[in-house]
Amino acid sequence: MAKNNVRTETIEVKGDRLLAKIKEIVHEGNVRRITITNEKGKRLLVIPLTLGVVGAVLLPVYAAVGALAAVLSKCSVEVERVVRD
């Protein structure tokens, strides 16, 4: 049986690129959770993802990310990925 591990990576993003980066990360498919934090380290949005979450289900999430992008100059995106051994 395969053992699942979680790997976390943090990406620094400018506000105007935030939505595009989130869409790119979601499209990769092995993402478990995305956390967006501001420059001071405060969590602004946590997006839990499960297998099979696509399309119309993500529209409200993209709207929220777009609203955040409008007010942020810089932020961090923390990505939790499932890595199978």
N, C-alpha and C. Protein backbone atom coordinates (compact mmCIF):
# COMPACT_ATOMS: atom_id res chain seq x y z
N MET A 1 0.84 -1.17 0.00
CA MET A 1 0.00 0.00 0.00
C MET A 1 0.89 1.24 0.00
N ALA A 2 0.54 2.25 -0.79
CA ALA A 2 1.32 3.48 -0.89
C ALA A 2 1.06 4.37 0.32
N LYS A 3 2.12 4.98 0.79
CA LYS A 3 2.02 5.90 1.93
C LYS A 3 1.93 7.32 1.39
N ASN A 4 0.97 8.10 1.88
CA ASN A 4 0.82 9.49 1.45
C ASN A 4 1.55 10.41 2.40
N ASN A 5 2.34 11.31 1.84
CA ASN A 5 3.02 12.34 2.60
C ASN A 5 2.53 13.69 2.10
N VAL A 6 2.64 14.69 2.95
CA VAL A 6 2.26 16.04 2.57
C VAL A 6 3.51 16.90 2.53
N ARG A 7 3.71 17.58 1.42
CA ARG A 7 4.84 18.49 1.26
C ARG A 7 4.27 19.90 1.15
N THR A 8 4.90 20.84 1.83
CA THR A 8 4.44 22.22 1.82
C THR A 8 5.47 23.10 1.15
N GLU A 9 4.99 24.00 0.28
CA GLU A 9 5.88 24.98 -0.34
C GLU A 9 5.22 26.35 -0.25
N THR A 10 6.04 27.37 -0.13
CA THR A 10 5.54 28.74 -0.04
C THR A 10 6.03 29.51 -1.25
N ILE A 11 5.11 30.23 -1.88
CA ILE A 11 5.42 31.00 -3.08
C ILE A 11 5.05 32.46 -2.81
N GLU A 12 5.98 33.36 -3.07
CA GLU A 12 5.71 34.80 -2.96
C GLU A 12 5.12 35.28 -4.28
N VAL A 13 3.99 36.01 -4.19
CA VAL A 13 3.28 36.44 -5.39
C VAL A 13 2.86 37.89 -5.23
N LYS A 14 2.95 38.66 -6.31
CA LYS A 14 2.39 40.01 -6.30
C LYS A 14 0.88 39.90 -6.49
N GLY A 15 0.16 40.85 -5.95
CA GLY A 15 -1.30 40.82 -5.97
C GLY A 15 -1.90 40.65 -7.34
N ASP A 16 -1.33 41.30 -8.35
CA ASP A 16 -1.90 41.23 -9.69
C ASP A 16 -1.72 39.86 -10.35
N ARG A 17 -0.85 39.02 -9.83
CA ARG A 17 -0.61 37.67 -10.37
C ARG A 17 -1.26 36.58 -9.51
N LEU A 18 -1.91 36.96 -8.43
CA LEU A 18 -2.43 35.99 -7.47
C LEU A 18 -3.46 35.04 -8.09
N LEU A 19 -4.45 35.55 -8.76
CA LEU A 19 -5.50 34.69 -9.32
C LEU A 19 -4.93 33.72 -10.35
N ALA A 20 -4.07 34.20 -11.22
CA ALA A 20 -3.48 33.33 -12.23
C ALA A 20 -2.66 32.22 -11.58
N LYS A 21 -1.92 32.55 -10.52
CA LYS A 21 -1.10 31.56 -9.83
C LYS A 21 -1.98 30.51 -9.14
N ILE A 22 -3.07 30.93 -8.51
CA ILE A 22 -3.98 29.99 -7.85
C ILE A 22 -4.58 29.04 -8.87
N LYS A 23 -5.02 29.55 -10.01
CA LYS A 23 -5.59 28.70 -11.05
C LYS A 23 -4.55 27.69 -11.54
N GLU A 24 -3.32 28.14 -11.71
CA GLU A 24 -2.24 27.25 -12.15
C GLU A 24 -2.00 26.13 -11.14
N ILE A 25 -1.97 26.48 -9.86
CA ILE A 25 -1.75 25.50 -8.80
C ILE A 25 -2.89 24.48 -8.75
N VAL A 26 -4.12 24.95 -8.82
CA VAL A 26 -5.29 24.05 -8.78
C VAL A 26 -5.26 23.10 -9.97
N HIS A 27 -4.86 23.60 -11.11
CA HIS A 27 -4.81 22.79 -12.33
C HIS A 27 -3.81 21.63 -12.22
N GLU A 28 -2.77 21.78 -11.39
CA GLU A 28 -1.76 20.73 -11.22
C GLU A 28 -2.36 19.46 -10.63
N GLY A 29 -3.39 19.59 -9.80
CA GLY A 29 -4.16 18.44 -9.38
C GLY A 29 -3.77 17.71 -8.11
N ASN A 30 -2.55 17.80 -7.64
CA ASN A 30 -2.17 17.06 -6.45
C ASN A 30 -2.15 17.95 -5.20
N VAL A 31 -2.93 19.01 -5.21
CA VAL A 31 -2.95 19.99 -4.13
C VAL A 31 -4.04 19.65 -3.13
N ARG A 32 -3.68 19.69 -1.86
CA ARG A 32 -4.64 19.40 -0.79
C ARG A 32 -5.22 20.67 -0.18
N ARG A 33 -4.38 21.69 -0.02
CA ARG A 33 -4.84 22.93 0.62
C ARG A 33 -3.98 24.09 0.13
N ILE A 34 -4.62 25.25 -0.05
CA ILE A 34 -3.91 26.48 -0.40
C ILE A 34 -4.24 27.51 0.67
N THR A 35 -3.21 28.16 1.20
CA THR A 35 -3.40 29.21 2.20
C THR A 35 -2.77 30.49 1.68
N ILE A 36 -3.54 31.57 1.70
CA ILE A 36 -3.04 32.87 1.26
C ILE A 36 -2.83 33.74 2.50
N THR A 37 -1.62 34.29 2.64
CA THR A 37 -1.30 35.16 3.77
C THR A 37 -0.82 36.51 3.25
N ASN A 38 -1.01 37.54 4.07
CA ASN A 38 -0.54 38.87 3.67
C ASN A 38 0.94 39.03 4.03
N GLU A 39 1.48 40.22 3.79
CA GLU A 39 2.90 40.49 4.04
C GLU A 39 3.28 40.33 5.51
N LYS A 40 2.32 40.53 6.40
CA LYS A 40 2.59 40.43 7.84
C LYS A 40 2.42 39.02 8.38
N GLY A 41 2.07 38.07 7.52
CA GLY A 41 1.92 36.68 7.93
C GLY A 41 0.53 36.30 8.40
N LYS A 42 -0.43 37.20 8.27
CA LYS A 42 -1.81 36.90 8.69
C LYS A 42 -2.52 36.10 7.60
N ARG A 43 -3.15 34.99 8.00
CA ARG A 43 -3.89 34.16 7.05
C ARG A 43 -5.15 34.91 6.61
N LEU A 44 -5.31 35.02 5.31
CA LEU A 44 -6.46 35.71 4.76
C LEU A 44 -7.49 34.74 4.19
N LEU A 45 -7.04 33.64 3.62
CA LEU A 45 -7.94 32.69 2.99
C LEU A 45 -7.30 31.32 2.98
N VAL A 46 -8.05 30.31 3.42
CA VAL A 46 -7.60 28.92 3.36
C VAL A 46 -8.58 28.19 2.44
N ILE A 47 -8.02 27.57 1.40
CA ILE A 47 -8.84 26.88 0.41
C ILE A 47 -8.54 25.38 0.49
N PRO A 48 -9.43 24.60 1.12
CA PRO A 48 -9.22 23.15 1.13
C PRO A 48 -9.69 22.56 -0.20
N LEU A 49 -8.89 21.70 -0.77
CA LEU A 49 -9.24 21.09 -2.05
C LEU A 49 -9.27 19.58 -1.88
N THR A 50 -10.18 18.95 -2.58
CA THR A 50 -10.25 17.49 -2.58
C THR A 50 -10.20 17.02 -4.02
N LEU A 51 -9.96 15.75 -4.21
CA LEU A 51 -9.96 15.20 -5.56
C LEU A 51 -11.32 15.40 -6.20
N GLY A 52 -11.32 15.81 -7.43
CA GLY A 52 -12.57 15.96 -8.14
C GLY A 52 -13.19 17.35 -8.05
N VAL A 53 -12.57 18.28 -7.33
CA VAL A 53 -13.10 19.64 -7.25
C VAL A 53 -12.65 20.39 -8.50
N VAL A 54 -13.62 20.71 -9.35
CA VAL A 54 -13.31 21.40 -10.60
C VAL A 54 -14.44 22.32 -11.00
N GLY A 55 -14.18 23.10 -12.01
CA GLY A 55 -15.21 23.87 -12.68
C GLY A 55 -16.00 24.84 -11.82
N ALA A 56 -17.32 24.73 -11.90
CA ALA A 56 -18.23 25.68 -11.26
C ALA A 56 -18.08 25.73 -9.75
N VAL A 57 -17.62 24.65 -9.14
CA VAL A 57 -17.44 24.62 -7.69
C VAL A 57 -16.39 25.64 -7.26
N LEU A 58 -15.40 25.89 -8.12
CA LEU A 58 -14.32 26.80 -7.77
C LEU A 58 -14.61 28.27 -8.11
N LEU A 59 -15.71 28.56 -8.79
CA LEU A 59 -16.00 29.94 -9.16
C LEU A 59 -16.08 30.88 -7.96
N PRO A 60 -16.77 30.54 -6.87
CA PRO A 60 -16.78 31.44 -5.71
C PRO A 60 -15.39 31.62 -5.10
N VAL A 61 -14.59 30.59 -5.13
CA VAL A 61 -13.21 30.68 -4.61
C VAL A 61 -12.41 31.65 -5.46
N TYR A 62 -12.52 31.53 -6.78
CA TYR A 62 -11.80 32.44 -7.67
C TYR A 62 -12.26 33.88 -7.49
N ALA A 63 -13.55 34.10 -7.21
CA ALA A 63 -14.06 35.44 -6.96
C ALA A 63 -13.44 36.02 -5.69
N ALA A 64 -13.33 35.20 -4.65
CA ALA A 64 -12.71 35.65 -3.39
C ALA A 64 -11.24 35.96 -3.60
N VAL A 65 -10.54 35.12 -4.33
CA VAL A 65 -9.12 35.35 -4.60
C VAL A 65 -8.94 36.61 -5.43
N GLY A 66 -9.82 36.83 -6.39
CA GLY A 66 -9.76 38.04 -7.19
C GLY A 66 -9.95 39.30 -6.36
N ALA A 67 -10.86 39.25 -5.39
CA ALA A 67 -11.09 40.39 -4.50
C ALA A 67 -9.85 40.65 -3.64
N LEU A 68 -9.22 39.58 -3.15
CA LEU A 68 -7.99 39.75 -2.38
C LEU A 68 -6.88 40.35 -3.23
N ALA A 69 -6.77 39.88 -4.46
CA ALA A 69 -5.72 40.37 -5.35
C ALA A 69 -5.85 41.87 -5.59
N ALA A 70 -7.07 42.37 -5.58
CA ALA A 70 -7.29 43.79 -5.82
C ALA A 70 -6.74 44.67 -4.71
N VAL A 71 -6.65 44.14 -3.49
CA VAL A 71 -6.21 44.96 -2.36
C VAL A 71 -4.80 44.62 -1.86
N LEU A 72 -4.22 43.54 -2.34
CA LEU A 72 -2.90 43.14 -1.87
C LEU A 72 -1.82 43.56 -2.87
N SER A 73 -0.71 44.06 -2.34
CA SER A 73 0.42 44.34 -3.23
C SER A 73 1.34 43.13 -3.29
N LYS A 74 1.48 42.45 -2.15
CA LYS A 74 2.31 41.24 -2.09
C LYS A 74 1.67 40.27 -1.13
N CYS A 75 1.81 38.98 -1.40
CA CYS A 75 1.28 37.97 -0.50
C CYS A 75 2.06 36.68 -0.67
N SER A 76 1.79 35.74 0.21
CA SER A 76 2.40 34.42 0.12
C SER A 76 1.30 33.39 -0.09
N VAL A 77 1.61 32.42 -0.91
CA VAL A 77 0.69 31.31 -1.16
C VAL A 77 1.38 30.05 -0.65
N GLU A 78 0.80 29.43 0.36
CA GLU A 78 1.34 28.19 0.90
C GLU A 78 0.53 27.04 0.30
N VAL A 79 1.23 26.10 -0.31
CA VAL A 79 0.59 25.01 -1.02
C VAL A 79 0.95 23.69 -0.34
N GLU A 80 -0.06 22.93 0.06
CA GLU A 80 0.15 21.60 0.60
C GLU A 80 -0.16 20.60 -0.50
N ARG A 81 0.83 19.78 -0.82
CA ARG A 81 0.68 18.79 -1.88
C ARG A 81 0.77 17.39 -1.31
N VAL A 82 0.01 16.48 -1.88
CA VAL A 82 0.08 15.08 -1.49
C VAL A 82 1.15 14.42 -2.37
N VAL A 83 2.13 13.81 -1.72
CA VAL A 83 3.19 13.11 -2.42
C VAL A 83 3.07 11.65 -2.07
N ARG A 84 2.93 10.82 -3.06
CA ARG A 84 2.79 9.38 -2.82
C ARG A 84 4.14 8.71 -2.95
N ASP A 85 4.44 7.86 -1.98
CA ASP A 85 5.71 7.11 -2.01
C ASP A 85 5.53 5.79 -2.71
